Protein backbone atom coordinates (compact mmCIF):
# COMPACT_ATOMS: atom_id res chain seq x y z
CA UNK A 1 -39.49 27.01 87.53
CA UNK A 2 -39.15 23.95 85.31
CA UNK A 3 -38.35 24.55 81.70
CA UNK A 4 -40.31 23.03 78.82
CA UNK A 5 -39.28 22.35 75.24
CA UNK A 6 -41.45 22.15 72.18
CA UNK A 7 -39.01 19.48 70.92
CA UNK A 8 -36.97 16.81 72.56
CA UNK A 9 -34.51 16.55 69.72
CA UNK A 10 -33.33 20.13 69.06
CA UNK A 11 -30.48 21.52 71.08
CA UNK A 12 -30.34 25.16 72.13
CA UNK A 13 -27.84 27.22 70.21
CA UNK A 14 -24.62 28.36 71.88
CA UNK A 15 -24.02 32.14 71.68
CA UNK A 16 -20.28 31.45 71.60
CA UNK A 17 -20.58 29.86 68.17
CA UNK A 18 -22.46 32.71 66.53
CA UNK A 19 -20.88 34.09 63.35
CA UNK A 20 -23.03 37.25 63.32
CA UNK A 21 -24.91 38.28 66.39
CA UNK A 22 -27.55 41.01 66.75
CA UNK A 23 -28.35 42.13 70.31
CA UNK A 24 -31.49 44.15 71.10
CA UNK A 25 -31.25 46.36 74.18
CA UNK A 26 -34.45 47.61 75.85
CA UNK A 27 -34.77 51.14 77.21
CA UNK A 28 -35.34 49.98 80.85
CA UNK A 29 -31.97 48.20 80.82
CA UNK A 30 -30.02 51.16 79.56
CA UNK A 31 -31.73 54.18 81.17
CA UNK A 32 -32.98 54.85 84.73
CA UNK A 33 -35.87 57.27 84.94
CA UNK A 34 -34.23 59.17 87.84
CA UNK A 35 -30.50 58.90 87.26
CA UNK A 36 -30.23 58.58 83.48
CA UNK A 37 -27.83 56.35 81.65
CA UNK A 38 -26.77 53.11 83.50
CA UNK A 39 -23.13 53.54 82.78
CA UNK A 40 -21.91 50.45 84.76
CA UNK A 41 -24.34 48.20 82.80
CA UNK A 42 -23.30 49.58 79.46
CA UNK A 43 -19.66 49.25 80.29
CA UNK A 44 -20.10 45.63 81.19
CA UNK A 45 -21.99 45.01 77.96
CA UNK A 46 -19.02 46.46 76.11
CA UNK A 47 -16.81 43.82 77.67
CA UNK A 48 -19.24 41.08 76.35
CA UNK A 49 -19.04 42.56 72.88
CA UNK A 50 -15.26 42.69 73.05
CA UNK A 51 -15.16 39.07 74.05
CA UNK A 52 -17.52 38.04 71.29
CA UNK A 53 -15.48 39.96 68.69
CA UNK A 54 -12.34 38.22 69.95
CA UNK A 55 -13.99 34.98 68.94
CA UNK A 56 -14.54 36.29 65.44
CA UNK A 57 -18.21 37.10 65.91
CA UNK A 58 -19.60 40.18 64.09
CA UNK A 59 -21.87 42.13 66.54
CA UNK A 60 -24.76 44.56 65.78
CA UNK A 61 -26.53 46.37 68.60
CA UNK A 62 -30.14 47.44 68.22
CA UNK A 63 -30.49 49.93 71.02
CA UNK A 64 -33.56 51.68 72.51
CA UNK A 65 -32.99 54.59 74.86
CA UNK A 66 -32.85 57.77 72.77
CA UNK A 67 -36.37 58.97 73.82
CA UNK A 68 -35.78 57.89 77.47
CA UNK A 69 -32.51 59.85 77.52
CA UNK A 70 -33.91 62.89 75.78
CA UNK A 71 -37.06 63.28 77.83
CA UNK A 72 -34.91 63.46 80.98
CA UNK A 73 -32.77 66.18 79.47
CA UNK A 74 -35.92 68.14 78.35
CA UNK A 75 -37.72 67.51 81.66
CA UNK A 76 -40.78 66.02 79.93
CA UNK A 77 -41.86 64.06 82.99
CA UNK A 78 -43.24 60.50 83.19
CA UNK A 79 -46.57 60.97 81.29
CA UNK A 80 -47.44 59.84 77.80
CA UNK A 81 -45.58 61.95 75.23
CA UNK A 82 -47.13 63.38 72.03
CA UNK A 83 -45.64 62.41 68.75
CA UNK A 84 -43.85 65.76 68.50
CA UNK A 85 -42.54 65.47 72.11
CA UNK A 86 -41.29 61.93 71.39
CA UNK A 87 -39.49 63.15 68.20
CA UNK A 88 -37.95 66.13 70.09
CA UNK A 89 -36.78 63.81 72.86
CA UNK A 90 -35.31 61.38 70.31
CA UNK A 91 -33.43 64.16 68.58
CA UNK A 92 -31.83 65.20 71.90
CA UNK A 93 -31.36 61.65 73.10
CA UNK A 94 -29.82 60.22 69.93
CA UNK A 95 -26.71 62.40 70.30
CA UNK A 96 -26.23 61.27 73.88
CA UNK A 97 -26.92 57.66 73.13
CA UNK A 98 -24.41 57.53 70.26
CA UNK A 99 -21.84 59.27 72.39
CA UNK A 100 -22.36 56.83 75.26
CA UNK A 101 -21.66 53.90 73.03
CA UNK A 102 -18.63 55.61 71.48
CA UNK A 103 -17.11 56.25 74.90
CA UNK A 104 -17.55 52.69 76.25
CA UNK A 105 -16.07 51.01 73.15
CA UNK A 106 -13.22 53.46 72.37
CA UNK A 107 -10.94 52.19 75.22
CA UNK A 108 -11.15 48.75 73.62
CA UNK A 109 -10.11 50.08 70.22
CA UNK A 110 -13.56 49.45 68.72
CA UNK A 111 -15.23 51.95 66.44
CA UNK A 112 -19.02 52.36 66.51
CA UNK A 113 -21.38 53.66 63.94
CA UNK A 114 -25.01 54.95 64.25
CA UNK A 115 -27.63 53.71 61.84
CA UNK A 116 -31.06 55.20 62.00
CA UNK A 117 -33.86 53.41 60.07
CA UNK A 118 -37.66 53.37 59.63
CA UNK A 119 -40.05 50.63 58.47
CA UNK A 120 -39.99 52.10 55.03
CA UNK A 121 -36.24 51.49 54.79
CA UNK A 122 -36.59 47.75 55.07
CA UNK A 123 -39.77 47.51 52.96
CA UNK A 124 -38.37 49.39 50.01
CA UNK A 125 -36.03 47.16 48.00
CA UNK A 126 -33.63 49.95 47.00
CA UNK A 127 -33.27 51.15 50.61
CA UNK A 128 -32.98 47.53 51.79
CA UNK A 129 -30.08 46.86 49.49
CA UNK A 130 -28.38 50.11 50.59
CA UNK A 131 -28.83 49.20 54.28
CA UNK A 132 -27.51 45.65 53.67
CA UNK A 133 -24.49 46.95 51.76
CA UNK A 134 -23.70 49.58 54.44
CA UNK A 135 -24.00 47.00 57.20
CA UNK A 136 -21.82 44.53 55.45
CA UNK A 137 -19.12 47.10 54.89
CA UNK A 138 -19.11 48.38 58.42
CA UNK A 139 -18.84 44.79 59.80
CA UNK A 140 -16.08 43.94 57.38
CA UNK A 141 -14.17 46.91 58.82
CA UNK A 142 -14.60 45.70 62.40
CA UNK A 143 -17.14 48.36 63.31
CA UNK A 144 -19.98 47.76 65.79
CA UNK A 145 -23.14 49.32 64.27
CA UNK A 146 -25.63 50.83 66.77
CA UNK A 147 -29.10 50.67 65.20
CA UNK A 148 -32.25 52.45 66.32
CA UNK A 149 -35.50 53.53 64.77
CA UNK A 150 -35.31 57.02 63.39
CA UNK A 151 -37.85 58.43 65.80
CA UNK A 152 -37.13 62.03 64.81
CA UNK A 153 -38.79 61.56 61.35
CA UNK A 154 -40.91 58.39 61.62
CA UNK A 155 -44.63 58.79 61.82
CA UNK A 156 -47.08 56.02 62.73
CA UNK A 157 -47.48 54.68 59.17
CA UNK A 158 -43.74 54.17 58.71
CA UNK A 159 -42.87 53.02 62.21
CA UNK A 160 -41.90 49.67 63.65
CA UNK A 161 -43.12 50.96 67.03
CA UNK A 162 -40.91 48.61 68.90
CA UNK A 163 -37.31 47.48 68.65
CA UNK A 164 -38.05 43.79 68.97
CA UNK A 165 -39.35 43.59 65.39
CA UNK A 166 -36.79 46.12 64.21
CA UNK A 167 -34.03 43.90 65.65
CA UNK A 168 -35.44 40.83 63.90
CA UNK A 169 -35.50 42.72 60.52
CA UNK A 170 -31.97 43.99 61.11
CA UNK A 171 -30.86 40.40 61.87
CA UNK A 172 -32.30 39.24 58.58
CA UNK A 173 -30.86 42.18 56.67
CA UNK A 174 -27.46 41.61 58.10
CA UNK A 175 -27.54 37.84 57.59
CA UNK A 176 -27.18 37.15 61.28
CA UNK A 177 -27.33 33.57 62.56
CA UNK A 178 -28.30 34.56 66.17
CA UNK A 179 -30.46 37.31 67.64
CA UNK A 180 -30.69 38.04 71.41
CA UNK A 181 -33.50 40.14 72.90
CA UNK A 182 -32.31 41.53 76.19
CA UNK A 183 -35.55 42.37 78.00
CA UNK A 184 -37.41 42.56 81.35
CA UNK A 185 -38.59 38.94 81.01
CA UNK A 186 -36.49 35.78 81.14
CA UNK A 187 -38.12 33.87 78.32
CA UNK A 188 -41.36 32.79 76.74
CA UNK A 189 -44.08 31.28 78.96
CA UNK A 190 -47.19 29.34 78.56
CA UNK A 191 -49.00 32.32 80.01
CA UNK A 192 -48.13 35.67 81.50
CA UNK A 193 -46.14 34.73 84.69
CA UNK A 194 -47.05 38.05 86.33
CA UNK A 195 -50.70 37.06 86.16
CA UNK A 196 -50.59 33.23 86.20
CA UNK A 197 -48.27 31.65 88.81
CA UNK A 198 -48.62 28.27 87.08
CA UNK A 199 -47.14 29.58 83.85
CA UNK A 200 -44.13 27.61 82.69
CA UNK A 201 -41.19 28.75 80.63
CA UNK A 202 -40.14 27.15 77.35
CA UNK A 203 -36.50 26.26 77.05
CA UNK A 204 -36.49 25.75 73.28
CA UNK A 205 -39.19 26.46 70.76
CA UNK A 206 -38.67 24.55 67.51
CA UNK A 207 -41.87 25.57 65.74
CA UNK A 208 -44.09 28.54 66.33
CA UNK A 209 -47.46 26.82 66.20
CA UNK A 210 -50.91 28.47 66.60
CA UNK A 211 -50.90 27.11 70.15
CA UNK A 212 -47.61 28.88 70.86
CA UNK A 213 -49.01 32.09 69.41
CA UNK A 214 -52.08 31.92 71.57
CA UNK A 215 -49.83 31.88 74.64
CA UNK A 216 -48.35 35.30 73.95
CA UNK A 217 -49.61 37.98 76.40
CA UNK A 218 -48.60 41.55 76.97
CA UNK A 219 -46.52 41.75 80.20
CA UNK A 220 -46.29 45.17 81.75
CA UNK A 221 -43.01 47.02 81.21
CA UNK A 222 -42.04 50.29 82.72
CA UNK A 223 -40.39 51.90 79.68
CA UNK A 224 -40.52 49.52 76.66
CA UNK A 225 -43.31 49.17 74.15
CA UNK A 226 -42.60 45.56 73.12
CA UNK A 227 -44.81 42.95 74.86
CA UNK A 228 -44.61 39.24 74.35
CA UNK A 229 -46.68 39.40 71.19
CA UNK A 230 -44.12 41.62 69.54
CA UNK A 231 -41.29 39.33 70.66
CA UNK A 232 -43.17 36.37 69.09
CA UNK A 233 -43.55 38.34 65.85
CA UNK A 234 -39.82 39.10 65.95
CA UNK A 235 -39.11 35.37 66.41
CA UNK A 236 -41.22 34.50 63.38
CA UNK A 237 -39.31 37.02 61.30
CA UNK A 238 -35.91 35.85 62.59
CA UNK A 239 -36.41 32.10 62.16
CA UNK A 240 -37.94 32.59 58.69
CA UNK A 241 -34.69 34.30 57.78
CA UNK A 242 -32.56 31.48 59.13
CA UNK A 243 -31.65 33.22 62.47
CA UNK A 244 -32.15 31.61 65.94
CA UNK A 245 -33.52 34.02 68.51
CA UNK A 246 -33.24 34.07 72.33
CA UNK A 247 -35.22 36.05 74.90
CA UNK A 248 -33.60 36.68 78.27
CA UNK A 249 -33.74 38.98 81.22
CA UNK A 250 -30.89 41.38 80.63
CA UNK A 251 -30.38 43.50 83.75
CA UNK A 252 -27.46 41.38 85.00
CA UNK A 253 -23.96 42.72 84.27
CA UNK A 254 -22.34 40.84 81.32
CA UNK A 255 -25.63 39.39 79.99
CA UNK A 256 -23.92 37.71 76.98
CA UNK A 257 -21.47 35.94 79.27
CA UNK A 258 -24.42 34.96 81.53
CA UNK A 259 -26.22 33.45 78.54
CA UNK A 260 -23.15 31.47 77.55
CA UNK A 261 -22.91 30.11 81.06
CA UNK A 262 -26.51 28.85 81.12
CA UNK A 263 -28.68 31.79 82.22
CA UNK A 264 -32.49 31.28 82.04
CA UNK A 265 -33.82 32.02 78.54
CA UNK A 266 -35.95 30.76 75.67
CA UNK A 267 -34.44 29.93 72.28
CA UNK A 268 -36.50 29.94 69.09
CA UNK A 269 -34.53 27.84 66.62
CA UNK A 270 -34.43 27.92 62.80
CA UNK A 271 -34.28 24.96 60.50
CA UNK A 272 -32.20 26.84 57.89
CA UNK A 273 -29.10 29.00 58.02
CA UNK A 274 -29.37 32.70 56.99
CA UNK A 275 -27.79 32.21 53.59
CA UNK A 276 -30.12 29.26 52.68
CA UNK A 277 -33.16 31.17 53.86
CA UNK A 278 -32.20 34.23 51.86
CA UNK A 279 -31.75 32.13 48.72
CA UNK A 280 -35.10 30.60 49.15
CA UNK A 281 -36.66 34.02 49.54
CA UNK A 282 -35.06 35.28 46.33
CA UNK A 283 -35.93 32.09 44.44
CA UNK A 284 -39.65 32.54 45.38
CA UNK A 285 -39.83 35.99 43.78
CA UNK A 286 -41.38 36.63 40.36
CA UNK A 287 -38.76 38.16 37.98
CA UNK A 288 -39.39 41.61 36.61
CA UNK A 289 -36.95 41.22 33.74
CA UNK A 290 -34.22 39.09 32.22
CA UNK A 291 -30.46 39.33 31.91
CA UNK A 292 -28.82 37.24 29.11
CA UNK A 293 -25.19 36.32 29.69
CA UNK A 294 -22.19 35.42 27.53
CA UNK A 295 -20.36 32.13 28.02
CA UNK A 296 -17.63 33.76 30.19
CA UNK A 297 -20.18 35.10 32.64
CA UNK A 298 -21.88 31.76 32.92
CA UNK A 299 -18.59 30.17 33.87
CA UNK A 300 -17.91 32.93 36.44
CA UNK A 301 -21.37 32.57 37.99
CA UNK A 302 -20.94 28.74 38.36
CA UNK A 303 -17.63 29.44 40.09
CA UNK A 304 -19.43 31.59 42.69
CA UNK A 305 -18.65 34.98 41.28
CA UNK A 306 -20.87 38.05 41.13
CA UNK A 307 -22.48 39.10 37.81
CA UNK A 308 -20.59 42.03 36.24
CA UNK A 309 -22.08 44.28 33.49
CA UNK A 310 -19.43 43.12 31.01
CA UNK A 311 -20.91 39.65 30.91
CA UNK A 312 -24.44 40.71 30.02
CA UNK A 313 -25.43 40.73 26.28
CA UNK A 314 -29.11 41.57 26.55
CA UNK A 315 -31.49 43.21 29.09
CA UNK A 316 -35.31 42.78 28.85
CA UNK A 317 -38.22 43.88 31.02
CA UNK A 318 -38.84 46.87 33.22
CA UNK A 319 -37.42 46.78 36.73
CA UNK A 320 -36.20 49.07 39.45
CA UNK A 321 -33.09 48.73 41.64
CA UNK A 322 -33.39 45.85 44.10
CA UNK A 323 -36.07 43.99 42.08
CA UNK A 324 -35.73 40.34 41.02
CA UNK A 325 -34.54 39.37 37.52
CA UNK A 326 -33.99 36.05 35.78
CA UNK A 327 -30.49 35.23 34.74
CA UNK A 328 -30.28 33.38 31.36
CA UNK A 329 -27.55 31.52 29.42
CA UNK A 330 -26.69 32.53 25.88
CA UNK A 331 -29.12 29.84 24.73
CA UNK A 332 -32.00 31.27 26.78
CA UNK A 333 -31.87 28.65 29.55
CA UNK A 334 -32.74 30.11 33.03
CA UNK A 335 -29.72 29.77 35.24
CA UNK A 336 -31.14 31.46 38.32
CA UNK A 337 -32.51 34.65 39.79
CA UNK A 338 -31.05 37.64 41.56
CA UNK A 339 -31.73 41.12 42.98
CA UNK A 340 -30.37 43.61 40.42
CA UNK A 341 -28.41 46.70 41.61
CA UNK A 342 -29.48 48.93 38.75
CA UNK A 343 -32.71 49.91 37.01
CA UNK A 344 -33.54 48.34 33.64
CA UNK A 345 -32.70 51.57 31.82
CA UNK A 346 -29.28 51.76 33.55
CA UNK A 347 -28.57 48.03 33.02
CA UNK A 348 -29.15 48.44 29.27
CA UNK A 349 -26.62 51.29 29.09
CA UNK A 350 -23.88 49.49 31.02
CA UNK A 351 -24.48 45.97 29.60
CA UNK A 352 -21.31 44.66 27.90
CA UNK A 353 -19.14 47.32 29.55
CA UNK A 354 -16.48 46.94 32.22
CA UNK A 355 -17.23 48.07 35.75
CA UNK A 356 -14.65 50.88 35.41
CA UNK A 357 -16.70 52.48 32.66
CA UNK A 358 -19.93 52.77 34.74
CA UNK A 359 -19.16 56.25 35.99
CA UNK A 360 -18.50 57.65 32.48
CA UNK A 361 -21.69 56.00 31.12
CA UNK A 362 -24.11 56.81 33.97
CA UNK A 363 -22.55 59.93 35.34
CA UNK A 364 -21.91 58.54 38.84
CA UNK A 365 -19.78 55.88 40.40
CA UNK A 366 -22.04 52.86 40.75
CA UNK A 367 -21.45 49.43 42.24
CA UNK A 368 -19.16 47.12 40.34
CA UNK A 369 -21.60 44.17 40.20
CA UNK A 370 -24.89 44.20 38.40
CA UNK A 371 -26.06 41.33 40.58
CA UNK A 372 -23.94 40.49 43.67
CA UNK A 373 -23.41 36.78 44.50
CA UNK A 374 -25.07 37.29 47.90
CA UNK A 375 -28.22 38.43 46.15
CA UNK A 376 -28.31 35.56 43.66
CA UNK A 377 -29.63 31.99 43.36
CA UNK A 378 -27.89 29.94 40.67
């Protein structure tokens, strides 16, 4: 089928150039209803990840499959599960899913970590900063995080409900420049190809227009919840965060290798890189307070350093952890904005003190920076 492009000037990204890659894995790719875990497919994916890491790419996996694995163990059948049954299946399946990833990566000397999140975790600023810091630390240590929705505790009002949108949010949280949705479809089409034989696939989508959105249907999938509408929502989240996103059919062995070699797919491209997009997001926020700096701190900030408590002479306003604050010079000139890592009450207590004194002042060992450079626009 001929491929289309929404732009004749934008080239498709190359997965081999990704600095930080998030890969979403659908349940149907990982779990067979009758036989359980698809071990050969997962082992082949591990080889892809090893190859990517050898190029210097950080890799995060957003993996479905816990409920599918757990329902088989619990003999819950193929019918629709109640919320309580789904949560029970997830509790059983999460152990097996984590162990499966650990076992396929261990022979390659790669450590894996399990991260379970809910929608609340990414909407709450404090939890968001915690998730971002944890992810950054794991990746800096060479770990491959395995992320899934925390189905054992999530109820409808705090659920993503599909791992497409979760993967997009994780990509933004982790500052990824590429996101790959491995699915049961090989791209984004002008209509549902299972219903309309004349539907044509897009090769590259530069801008998600209302016309593009109107084309999204809901293709039938045996085990996954995410239709094309959710994939398009994921694409909007990703590209807004400076992350390019691809949709491809992932059942082939070594799907990342296949993508690098020209497999059929659709790329949604972003006009900005993740860091620039994040800075714009922070800059658009309304400050909840102000931090006045001394001359030394101003010099350090302009040199690309984080803001330490020792350089703060005054704290005004009322703010919680993770909320935006304005950063001012000694003369009161606004230098920039940032997401603060302490509450206003805590910031007042530690202002002017060295980072090594934080534990004695607050009673716990906090973070060294009051505002980290990655959470700041100067």
